[in-house]
Protein backbone atom coordinates (compact mmCIF):
# COMPACT_ATOMS: atom_id res chain seq x y z
CA MET A 1 20.29 10.95 19.24
CA ALA A 2 20.35 13.46 16.66
CA ASN A 3 22.43 12.64 13.26
CA THR A 4 24.59 15.84 13.20
CA ASN A 5 26.82 15.16 10.34
CA ARG A 6 24.91 13.86 7.08
CA ASN A 7 27.70 12.54 5.36
CA VAL A 8 28.95 10.40 7.98
CA PRO A 9 26.82 6.76 8.62
CA PHE A 10 24.12 7.08 11.42
CA ASN A 11 25.58 4.51 13.54
CA ASP A 12 24.39 6.32 16.97
CA LEU A 13 20.89 5.84 15.67
CA MET A 14 19.47 4.75 19.25
CA PRO A 15 17.27 1.42 19.32
CA LEU A 16 13.95 1.40 20.57
CA PRO A 17 12.05 2.26 22.02
CA PRO A 18 11.88 6.96 22.46
CA GLY A 19 11.24 8.48 25.71
CA GLU A 20 8.16 7.72 27.38
CA GLU A 21 6.88 11.25 27.69
CA LEU A 22 5.75 10.40 24.07
CA GLU A 23 2.72 8.37 25.54
CA ASN A 24 1.84 11.19 27.54
CA ASP A 25 1.97 13.89 25.26
CA PRO A 26 -2.15 15.40 25.14
CA GLU A 27 -1.97 16.45 21.69
CA ILE A 28 -0.32 13.37 20.37
CA LEU A 29 -2.93 11.42 22.59
CA LYS A 30 -5.83 13.39 21.37
CA LYS A 31 -4.90 12.60 17.61
CA LEU A 32 -4.24 9.00 18.27
CA VAL A 33 -7.86 8.57 19.85
CA ALA A 34 -9.32 10.56 16.52
CA ALA A 35 -7.28 7.62 14.14
CA SER A 36 -8.10 4.96 15.84
CA ARG A 37 -12.00 5.93 15.77
CA ALA A 38 -11.44 6.49 11.86
CA LEU A 39 -9.74 3.38 11.79
CA ALA A 40 -11.97 1.24 13.48
CA SER A 41 -14.78 2.64 11.68
CA MET A 42 -13.30 1.88 8.29
CA ASP A 43 -12.67 -1.67 9.20
CA ASN A 44 -15.83 -2.27 10.26
CA ASN A 45 -17.25 -0.94 6.71
CA VAL A 46 -15.08 -3.38 5.06
CA LEU A 47 -17.56 -6.15 6.17
CA ARG A 48 -20.03 -4.42 3.99
CA LEU A 49 -18.74 -5.30 0.67
CA PRO A 50 -19.90 -8.63 -0.30
CA ASN A 51 -16.47 -9.80 -0.87
CA PRO A 52 -14.08 -8.13 0.94
CA LEU A 53 -11.16 -9.27 -1.25
CA MET A 54 -12.39 -7.22 -3.94
CA LEU A 55 -10.10 -4.76 -2.43
CA VAL A 56 -7.33 -6.75 -3.91
CA ASN A 57 -7.80 -5.36 -7.16
CA THR A 58 -9.29 -1.83 -6.24
CA ILE A 59 -8.00 -0.01 -3.24
CA ALA A 60 -5.08 -2.16 -3.07
CA LEU A 61 -4.18 -1.00 -6.55
CA GLN A 62 -4.54 2.30 -5.87
CA GLU A 63 -2.00 2.43 -3.02
CA ALA A 64 0.44 0.03 -4.78
CA LYS A 65 0.28 2.97 -7.40
CA ALA A 66 0.53 5.93 -5.53
CA SER A 67 3.41 4.31 -3.06
CA SER A 68 5.31 3.60 -6.18
CA ALA A 69 4.88 7.41 -7.42
CA ILE A 70 6.47 8.63 -3.90
CA GLU A 71 9.67 6.96 -5.35
CA ASN A 72 9.03 8.67 -9.02
CA ILE A 73 7.94 5.76 -10.57
CA PHE A 74 4.91 6.63 -12.42
CA THR A 75 2.09 4.49 -14.27
CA THR A 76 -1.09 5.59 -16.09
CA GLU A 77 -4.06 3.95 -14.79
CA ASP A 78 -4.92 2.81 -18.43
CA GLU A 79 -1.59 1.10 -18.06
CA LEU A 80 -2.08 -0.43 -15.04
CA TYR A 81 -5.79 -1.38 -15.46
CA LYS A 82 -5.02 -3.17 -18.41
CA ALA A 83 -2.09 -5.33 -17.06
CA ILE A 84 -4.02 -6.26 -14.06
CA SER A 85 -6.97 -7.43 -16.58
CA ASN A 86 -4.61 -10.23 -18.29
CA THR A 87 -3.87 -13.28 -16.36
CA ILE A 88 -0.72 -13.40 -17.54
CA GLN A 89 2.15 -10.61 -17.17
CA GLU A 90 2.29 -9.49 -21.12
CA GLU A 91 5.99 -8.82 -21.57
CA ASN A 92 5.16 -5.41 -23.50
CA THR A 93 3.57 -4.08 -19.96
CA ASN A 94 6.34 -0.97 -19.37
CA ALA A 95 8.71 -1.49 -16.32
CA ALA A 96 6.85 1.10 -14.62
CA THR A 97 4.00 -0.72 -14.78
CA LYS A 98 5.60 -3.93 -13.87
CA GLU A 99 6.77 -2.19 -10.63
CA VAL A 100 3.83 -1.43 -9.29
CA LEU A 101 2.41 -5.12 -9.49
CA ARG A 102 5.05 -6.30 -7.83
CA TYR A 103 3.95 -4.07 -4.98
CA ARG A 104 0.72 -4.96 -5.26
CA GLU A 105 2.13 -8.72 -4.75
CA ALA A 106 4.44 -7.89 -2.17
CA LEU A 107 1.36 -6.81 -0.25
CA TRP A 108 -0.57 -9.67 -0.46
CA GLU A 109 2.09 -12.41 -0.34
CA GLY A 110 3.42 -10.77 2.53
CA ASN A 111 -0.32 -10.93 4.13
CA ALA A 112 -0.58 -14.33 3.01
CA GLN A 113 2.83 -15.47 4.75
CA LEU A 114 1.88 -13.20 7.86
CA GLU A 115 -1.35 -15.22 8.53
CA ILE A 116 1.03 -18.51 8.62
CA ASP A 117 3.59 -16.87 11.08
CA LYS A 118 1.50 -14.84 13.05
CA VAL A 119 4.80 -12.25 13.42
CA ILE A 120 6.72 -9.96 12.27
CA SER A 121 9.86 -11.26 11.05
CA LEU A 122 12.97 -10.98 8.80
CA PRO A 123 12.59 -13.09 6.52
CA LEU A 124 9.05 -11.82 6.24
CA ILE A 125 10.81 -8.17 5.32
CA ILE A 126 13.12 -9.43 3.27
CA LYS A 127 10.47 -11.49 0.90
CA ILE A 128 8.40 -8.05 0.71
CA TYR A 129 11.68 -6.39 -0.33
CA ARG A 130 12.68 -8.90 -2.85
CA GLN A 131 8.76 -9.45 -4.21
CA ILE A 132 8.98 -5.64 -4.60
CA LYS A 133 12.50 -5.14 -6.46
CA ASN A 134 12.56 -8.60 -8.77
CA THR A 135 15.82 -9.80 -6.52
CA GLN A 136 17.21 -12.47 -4.49
CA SER A 137 19.51 -10.01 -2.64
CA ALA A 138 18.66 -9.35 1.31
CA LEU A 139 20.04 -6.76 3.50
CA ARG A 140 22.56 -4.29 2.44
CA SER A 141 26.45 -5.21 2.66
CA PRO A 142 28.55 -3.93 5.79
CA GLN A 143 30.92 -2.09 3.20
CA ALA A 144 28.00 -0.99 0.88
CA GLN A 145 28.38 2.94 0.19
CA VAL A 146 24.91 3.84 0.44
CA VAL A 147 23.47 7.47 0.82
CA ILE A 148 20.11 8.90 0.37
CA ARG A 149 20.39 12.33 -1.99
CA GLN A 150 18.23 15.29 -3.11
CA GLY A 151 15.77 14.43 -5.80
CA GLN A 152 16.31 15.47 -9.62
CA SER A 153 13.38 18.39 -8.84
CA GLU A 154 14.55 19.74 -5.74
CA PHE A 155 16.86 22.46 -4.82
CA ARG A 156 20.63 21.37 -4.58
CA THR A 157 20.11 18.06 -6.55
CA GLY A 158 22.09 14.96 -5.84
CA GLU A 159 23.72 16.42 -2.35
CA VAL A 160 23.57 13.79 0.23
CA VAL A 161 20.84 14.59 3.06
CA TYR A 162 21.58 11.50 5.28
CA THR A 163 23.64 8.19 5.35
CA PRO A 164 22.15 5.05 6.97
CA PRO A 165 24.09 3.16 9.25
CA ARG A 166 26.71 0.99 8.01
CA GLY A 167 29.32 -1.80 9.29
CA GLU A 168 29.53 -5.52 10.52
CA GLY A 169 26.26 -6.39 12.07
CA VAL A 170 24.98 -2.80 12.33
CA ILE A 171 22.07 -3.37 10.51
CA GLU A 172 20.83 -6.77 11.80
CA ALA A 173 21.22 -5.32 15.41
CA LEU A 174 18.98 -2.49 14.86
CA MET A 175 16.47 -4.73 12.94
CA ASP A 176 16.36 -7.06 15.34
CA ASN A 177 15.60 -4.47 17.89
CA LEU A 178 13.06 -3.10 15.64
CA ILE A 179 11.22 -6.73 15.13
CA ASP A 180 11.42 -7.34 18.76
CA TYR A 181 10.01 -3.84 19.19
CA LEU A 182 6.85 -4.91 17.22
CA ASN A 183 6.27 -8.24 18.41
CA ASP A 184 6.76 -7.89 22.14
CA ASP A 185 3.81 -6.28 24.22
CA GLY A 186 4.86 -7.22 27.18
CA LYS A 187 8.70 -6.08 26.98
CA PHE A 188 7.23 -2.81 25.01
CA PRO A 189 3.49 -1.32 26.00
CA MET A 190 2.48 0.75 23.90
CA ASP A 191 -0.56 1.33 21.67
CA PRO A 192 -0.33 -0.22 18.30
CA LEU A 193 -0.95 2.99 16.04
CA LEU A 194 1.99 4.70 18.21
CA LYS A 195 4.11 1.68 17.48
CA MET A 196 3.47 1.87 14.05
CA CYS A 197 4.60 5.31 13.65
CA ILE A 198 7.86 4.82 15.66
CA ALA A 199 8.75 1.65 14.05
CA HIS A 200 8.02 3.32 10.40
CA TYR A 201 10.97 6.30 11.22
CA GLN A 202 12.94 3.33 12.62
CA PHE A 203 13.12 1.39 9.54
CA GLU A 204 13.42 4.31 6.89
CA ALA A 205 16.59 5.44 9.21
CA ILE A 206 18.01 2.11 9.32
CA HIS A 207 17.01 1.88 5.57
CA PRO A 208 18.25 -1.84 5.45
CA PHE A 209 18.05 -2.56 1.89
CA THR A 210 20.31 -0.82 -1.13
CA ASP A 211 16.89 0.06 -2.63
CA GLY A 212 13.02 -0.13 -1.91
CA ASN A 213 13.29 0.85 1.41
CA GLY A 214 10.04 3.43 1.24
CA ARG A 215 7.77 0.56 -0.57
CA THR A 216 8.99 -2.09 1.83
CA GLY A 217 8.69 0.22 4.74
CA ARG A 218 5.19 1.01 3.82
CA ILE A 219 3.97 -2.43 3.24
CA LEU A 220 5.17 -3.62 6.79
CA ASN A 221 2.94 -0.52 8.37
CA LEU A 222 0.34 -2.34 6.82
CA LEU A 223 1.12 -5.85 8.20
CA TYR A 224 1.88 -4.52 11.51
CA LEU A 225 -1.67 -2.91 11.60
CA VAL A 226 -3.26 -6.33 10.32
CA ASN A 227 -1.19 -8.43 12.63
CA GLN A 228 -2.48 -6.28 15.84
CA ARG A 229 -6.09 -6.60 14.39
CA LEU A 230 -6.36 -3.14 13.46
CA LEU A 231 -7.01 -4.07 10.12
CA SER A 232 -9.04 -7.18 8.63
CA GLY A 233 -6.75 -6.86 5.71
CA PRO A 234 -3.70 -4.53 4.27
CA VAL A 235 -6.20 -2.11 2.21
CA LEU A 236 -5.30 1.26 3.90
CA TYR A 237 -4.64 3.69 1.35
CA LEU A 238 -1.88 5.62 3.30
CA SER A 239 0.54 6.41 0.02
CA LYS A 240 -2.12 9.02 -1.57
CA TYR A 241 -1.93 11.12 1.86
CA ILE A 242 1.80 10.63 1.83
CA ILE A 243 2.02 11.69 -2.03
CA ALA A 244 0.08 14.61 -1.27
CA HIS A 245 2.07 15.75 1.68
CA LYS A 246 5.19 14.41 0.39
CA ASP A 247 7.30 17.44 1.60
CA GLU A 248 5.88 17.43 5.06
CA TYR A 249 6.45 13.90 5.40
CA TYR A 250 10.11 14.28 4.41
CA PHE A 251 10.62 17.04 6.70
CA ALA A 252 8.98 15.65 9.56
CA LEU A 253 11.14 12.68 8.91
CA SER A 254 14.38 14.22 8.79
CA ALA A 255 13.35 16.43 11.73
CA VAL A 256 13.80 13.15 14.13
CA ILE A 257 17.02 11.69 12.25
CA ASN A 258 18.74 15.51 12.88
CA ARG A 259 17.42 16.78 15.85
CA GLY A 260 15.05 13.77 17.27
CA ALA A 261 12.06 15.54 17.36
CA TRP A 262 9.43 12.79 17.65
CA LYS A 263 5.95 14.78 18.12
CA ASN A 264 5.56 16.38 14.58
CA TRP A 265 6.42 12.76 12.88
CA ILE A 266 3.74 10.84 15.07
CA LEU A 267 1.20 13.61 14.49
CA TYR A 268 1.95 13.53 10.89
CA MET A 269 1.68 9.71 10.44
CA LEU A 270 -1.73 9.93 12.64
CA ASP A 271 -3.42 12.41 10.74
CA ALA A 272 -2.33 9.95 7.74
CA VAL A 273 -3.97 7.27 9.04
CA GLU A 274 -7.16 9.55 10.18
CA LYS A 275 -7.78 11.07 6.77
CA THR A 276 -6.54 8.12 4.96
CA ALA A 277 -9.55 5.68 7.03
CA THR A 278 -11.55 8.48 6.37
CA LEU A 279 -11.03 8.37 2.46
CA THR A 280 -10.79 4.38 2.22
CA ASN A 281 -14.84 4.46 3.98
CA ARG A 282 -15.84 7.02 1.39
CA LEU A 283 -14.64 4.60 -1.52
CA ILE A 284 -15.99 1.68 0.47
CA HIS A 285 -19.71 3.50 0.90
CA GLU A 286 -19.22 4.48 -2.87
CA THR A 287 -18.64 1.57 -4.14
CA VAL A 288 -21.34 -0.74 -2.26
CA ASN A 289 -23.91 1.90 -3.41
CA GLN A 290 -22.82 1.52 -6.74
CA MET A 291 -22.58 -2.22 -7.01
CA GLU A 292 -26.19 -2.18 -5.41
CA ALA A 293 -27.10 0.09 -8.43
CA THR A 294 -25.72 -1.72 -11.04
CA LEU A 295 -26.78 -4.97 -10.20
CA GLU A 296 -30.46 -3.26 -10.13
CA GLN A 297 -29.82 -2.09 -13.54
CA GLY A 298 -28.02 -5.42 -14.53
CA ARG A 299 -31.31 -7.77 -13.49
CA LYS A 300 -33.79 -4.94 -15.10
CA HIS A 301 -32.13 -5.63 -18.66
CA ILE A 302 -30.03 -8.80 -18.71
CA LYS A 303 -32.07 -11.89 -17.96
CA TRP A 304 -28.55 -13.69 -16.64
CA TYR A 305 -27.40 -10.53 -14.83
CA ASN A 306 -26.61 -12.08 -10.89
CA LYS A 307 -24.81 -11.09 -7.97
CA ASP A 308 -21.19 -13.38 -9.34
CA ILE A 309 -21.46 -11.27 -12.26
CA ASN A 310 -21.81 -8.41 -10.37
CA GLU A 311 -18.90 -8.43 -8.29
CA ALA A 312 -16.91 -9.77 -11.06
CA LEU A 313 -17.11 -6.78 -12.90
CA PHE A 314 -16.33 -4.61 -9.38
CA SER A 315 -12.90 -6.76 -9.12
CA GLN A 316 -10.71 -4.75 -11.24
CA PRO A 317 -11.80 -1.82 -13.22
CA TYR A 318 -10.90 -3.30 -16.62
CA SER A 319 -12.21 -6.46 -17.66
CA ARG A 320 -11.92 -8.99 -20.79
CA ALA A 321 -14.53 -11.33 -22.01
CA LYS A 322 -12.64 -13.97 -20.20
CA THR A 323 -13.89 -12.53 -16.86
CA VAL A 324 -17.47 -13.01 -17.68
CA ALA A 325 -16.79 -16.39 -19.32
CA ASP A 326 -15.30 -17.78 -16.34
CA VAL A 327 -17.73 -16.63 -14.03
CA MET A 328 -20.75 -18.01 -16.11
CA GLY A 329 -18.76 -21.54 -16.85
CA LYS A 330 -19.39 -20.75 -20.68
CA THR A 331 -16.85 -21.43 -23.63
CA SER A 332 -18.50 -20.59 -26.67
CA ARG A 333 -16.91 -17.39 -28.15
CA THR A 334 -20.43 -16.61 -29.64
CA THR A 335 -22.41 -16.70 -26.46
CA ILE A 336 -19.69 -14.79 -24.54
CA SER A 337 -19.63 -12.07 -27.62
CA LYS A 338 -23.27 -11.77 -26.85
CA TYR A 339 -23.10 -11.30 -23.20
CA MET A 340 -20.28 -8.57 -23.51
CA ASP A 341 -22.46 -6.92 -26.51
CA GLU A 342 -25.52 -6.77 -23.82
CA LEU A 343 -23.57 -5.52 -20.75
CA VAL A 344 -22.35 -2.76 -23.32
CA GLN A 345 -25.68 -2.08 -24.65
CA ALA A 346 -27.27 -1.62 -20.54
CA ARG A 347 -24.15 0.84 -20.43
CA ILE A 348 -22.54 -1.45 -17.43
CA LEU A 349 -19.23 -1.20 -19.38
CA THR A 350 -17.80 0.78 -22.13
CA PRO A 351 -15.55 -1.54 -24.83
CA LYS A 352 -11.92 0.03 -25.42
CA LYS A 353 -9.79 -1.87 -28.38
CA ASP A 354 -6.55 -1.96 -28.01
CA GLY A 355 -4.84 -3.62 -31.13
CA ASN A 356 -6.02 -6.89 -31.18
CA GLN A 357 -7.13 -7.00 -27.57
CA VAL A 358 -10.94 -5.24 -26.20
CA TYR A 359 -10.97 -4.06 -23.01
CA TYR A 360 -14.27 -3.42 -20.97
CA LEU A 361 -14.15 -0.48 -18.69
CA ASN A 362 -16.12 -0.35 -15.49
CA ASP A 363 -16.79 3.56 -15.76
CA ASP A 364 -18.36 3.81 -12.63
CA LEU A 365 -15.99 1.84 -10.37
CA ILE A 366 -12.84 4.16 -12.51
CA ARG A 367 -14.83 6.94 -11.15
CA ILE A 368 -15.09 6.34 -7.53
CA LEU A 369 -11.07 5.13 -7.68
CA GLU A 370 -9.87 8.13 -9.22
CA GLY A 371 -12.29 10.79 -7.88
């Protein structure tokens, strides 16, 4: 059912599933095959990494940054890389960087919880939202006058473009339906990639929280694919595609809301999966090749250089002397200082001083991530 008045709560939002014709559309099926193949190839390629969890601080960090940028929360790579190289988040870290880091933590805390629960649940979704927004609030109240407005840089700034459902028990009922749809494959049999596309629209249309719905929904996409065993971990870099095609994203989303036009939305989301999987494959391939070349270079010029050190230096773009000290089990400041100098002389790392702190940049990893 279409939304005919953007200023009135869309309480006619239909529960899932939509019509069966979507599953039989030839164009959708063709794109579904392409997206599924690309995703499977990418997930197999993740296993090439010596330690797949290295993606926590590489691809997952880029996903966090891009997803936040969609919501106009911007931080520089420099601020972000410095922040994650510190074991404790420093007080002078700016607000935007802290929001990006919270997104990354929400992604991995949600993944850890999903490994325990085995299902997508409302408590899991609320936990993700709370981590992102650093709050203890939950679903928005029945009386909250939440509306979606045009952004500051757009035509007709501030104009209401959508009013999500509201009322006693309305959001709860829609969320129960959404969660049932995601978890019950017997009752709702459908290819999981198609389900992800449809559920993402539904989540954004419900708009269950006062803020942070976009970021929460994008994490939910990844966790659902993990739960369906289409991903080994939540490392798909979907937000980069969305921010590069942001106008198309919101146009396709609003077309479903305003006209019930599902097809273009599903094609858009499947294309995002296909192109993102291809991009992530390239990042993994380039990272693995660079790691091998750096390991060879390190062993040639530094007698103590080994696989563990190499992996540690590729786990994040900026390192501290403590990174090497922890791996080597060394506590002597003189010894670690000597080690860091050798890494710089071998051109494996580049020092960067910021006040009293010295960061060591893995320029090769940064080039791959930001390419």
